């Protein structure tokens, strides 16, 4: 694989192409939870943290995602 500099391509390529679906599912959970919590106030806040671990192996960088 060549050099990838586009973050959209990186996310789409993580975990053999399955990570984007996991990220989307987690984002949907956050939105659903916020919707449930907002109730009468009409406002709620939340967060989803994406952490990327980079490991250099020879001329290849291995990227491992972690959601919290």
C-alpha atoms as a PDB file:
ATOM      1  CA  UNK A   1       0.000   0.000   0.000  1.00  0.00           C
ATOM      2  CA  UNK A   2       1.260   3.498  -0.778  1.00  0.00           C
ATOM      3  CA  UNK A   3       1.443   6.549   1.426  1.00  0.00           C
ATOM      4  CA  UNK A   4      -1.927   7.566   2.863  1.00  0.00           C
ATOM      5  CA  UNK A   5      -2.273  11.144   4.042  1.00  0.00           C
ATOM      6  CA  UNK A   6      -6.042  11.606   3.830  1.00  0.00           C
ATOM      7  CA  UNK A   7      -7.686  11.082   7.276  1.00  0.00           C
ATOM      8  CA  UNK A   8     -10.872   9.803   5.607  1.00  0.00           C
ATOM      9  CA  UNK A   9      -8.909   7.034   3.910  1.00  0.00           C
ATOM     10  CA  UNK A  10      -7.067   6.205   7.147  1.00  0.00           C
ATOM     11  CA  UNK A  11     -10.329   5.802   9.106  1.00  0.00           C
ATOM     12  CA  UNK A  12     -11.872   3.766   6.284  1.00  0.00           C
ATOM     13  CA  UNK A  13      -8.817   1.466   6.211  1.00  0.00           C
ATOM     14  CA  UNK A  14      -8.486   0.745   9.936  1.00  0.00           C
ATOM     15  CA  UNK A  15      -9.165  -2.779  11.200  1.00  0.00           C
ATOM     16  CA  UNK A  16      -9.465  -4.156   7.709  1.00  0.00           C
ATOM     17  CA  UNK A  17     -12.119  -1.618   6.779  1.00  0.00           C
ATOM     18  CA  UNK A  18     -14.483  -2.424   9.669  1.00  0.00           C
ATOM     19  CA  UNK A  19     -13.557   0.423  12.008  1.00  0.00           C
ATOM     20  CA  UNK A  20     -15.635   3.102  10.259  1.00  0.00           C
ATOM     21  CA  UNK A  21     -18.796   1.099  10.992  1.00  0.00           C
ATOM     22  CA  UNK A  22     -17.765   0.741  14.658  1.00  0.00           C
ATOM     23  CA  UNK A  23     -17.132   4.469  14.890  1.00  0.00           C
ATOM     24  CA  UNK A  24     -20.484   5.251  13.299  1.00  0.00           C
ATOM     25  CA  UNK A  25     -22.254   2.877  15.735  1.00  0.00           C
ATOM     26  CA  UNK A  26     -20.566   4.502  18.743  1.00  0.00           C
ATOM     27  CA  UNK A  27     -21.465   7.972  17.490  1.00  0.00           C
ATOM     28  CA  UNK A  28     -25.088   6.869  17.098  1.00  0.00           C
ATOM     29  CA  UNK A  29     -25.047   5.552  20.698  1.00  0.00           C
ATOM     30  CA  UNK A  30     -23.793   8.915  21.968  1.00  0.00           C
ATOM     31  CA  UNK A  31     -26.488  10.819  20.062  1.00  0.00           C
ATOM     32  CA  UNK A  32     -29.205   8.428  21.287  1.00  0.00           C
ATOM     33  CA  UNK A  33     -28.008   8.751  24.897  1.00  0.00           C
ATOM     34  CA  UNK A  34     -27.906  12.542  24.644  1.00  0.00           C
ATOM     35  CA  UNK A  35     -31.374  12.556  23.140  1.00  0.00           C
ATOM     36  CA  UNK A  36     -32.662  10.410  26.004  1.00  0.00           C
ATOM     37  CA  UNK A  37     -30.925  12.547  28.654  1.00  0.00           C
ATOM     38  CA  UNK A  38     -31.890  15.944  27.305  1.00  0.00           C
ATOM     39  CA  UNK A  39     -35.521  15.472  28.301  1.00  0.00           C
ATOM     40  CA  UNK A  40     -37.292  18.674  29.318  1.00  0.00           C
ATOM     41  CA  UNK A  41     -34.082  20.736  29.419  1.00  0.00           C
ATOM     42  CA  UNK A  42     -33.569  20.155  25.733  1.00  0.00           C
ATOM     43  CA  UNK A  43     -29.795  20.046  26.170  1.00  0.00           C
ATOM     44  CA  UNK A  44     -27.181  17.461  27.094  1.00  0.00           C
ATOM     45  CA  UNK A  45     -23.486  17.073  26.404  1.00  0.00           C
ATOM     46  CA  UNK A  46     -21.300  14.071  25.819  1.00  0.00           C
ATOM     47  CA  UNK A  47     -18.095  12.987  24.171  1.00  0.00           C
ATOM     48  CA  UNK A  48     -16.478  10.172  22.273  1.00  0.00           C
ATOM     49  CA  UNK A  49     -12.701   9.928  22.247  1.00  0.00           C
ATOM     50  CA  UNK A  50     -10.829   8.428  19.317  1.00  0.00           C
ATOM     51  CA  UNK A  51      -7.246   7.534  20.166  1.00  0.00           C
ATOM     52  CA  UNK A  52      -4.833   6.352  17.467  1.00  0.00           C
ATOM     53  CA  UNK A  53      -1.691   4.415  18.379  1.00  0.00           C
ATOM     54  CA  UNK A  54       1.137   4.602  15.835  1.00  0.00           C
ATOM     55  CA  UNK A  55       3.884   1.955  15.693  1.00  0.00           C
ATOM     56  CA  UNK A  56       6.684   2.141  13.119  1.00  0.00           C
ATOM     57  CA  UNK A  57       7.809  -1.251  11.787  1.00  0.00           C
ATOM     58  CA  UNK A  58      10.565  -0.823   9.215  1.00  0.00           C
ATOM     59  CA  UNK A  59       9.074   1.445   6.555  1.00  0.00           C
ATOM     60  CA  UNK A  60       5.484   0.736   7.604  1.00  0.00           C
ATOM     61  CA  UNK A  61       3.376   2.530  10.201  1.00  0.00           C
ATOM     62  CA  UNK A  62       0.797   0.397  11.981  1.00  0.00           C
ATOM     63  CA  UNK A  63      -2.181   2.386  13.270  1.00  0.00           C
ATOM     64  CA  UNK A  64      -4.442   0.929  15.969  1.00  0.00           C
ATOM     65  CA  UNK A  65      -7.656   2.759  16.926  1.00  0.00           C
ATOM     66  CA  UNK A  66      -9.242   2.891  20.374  1.00  0.00           C
ATOM     67  CA  UNK A  67     -12.651   4.388  21.196  1.00  0.00           C
ATOM     68  CA  UNK A  68     -13.569   5.558  24.680  1.00  0.00           C
END
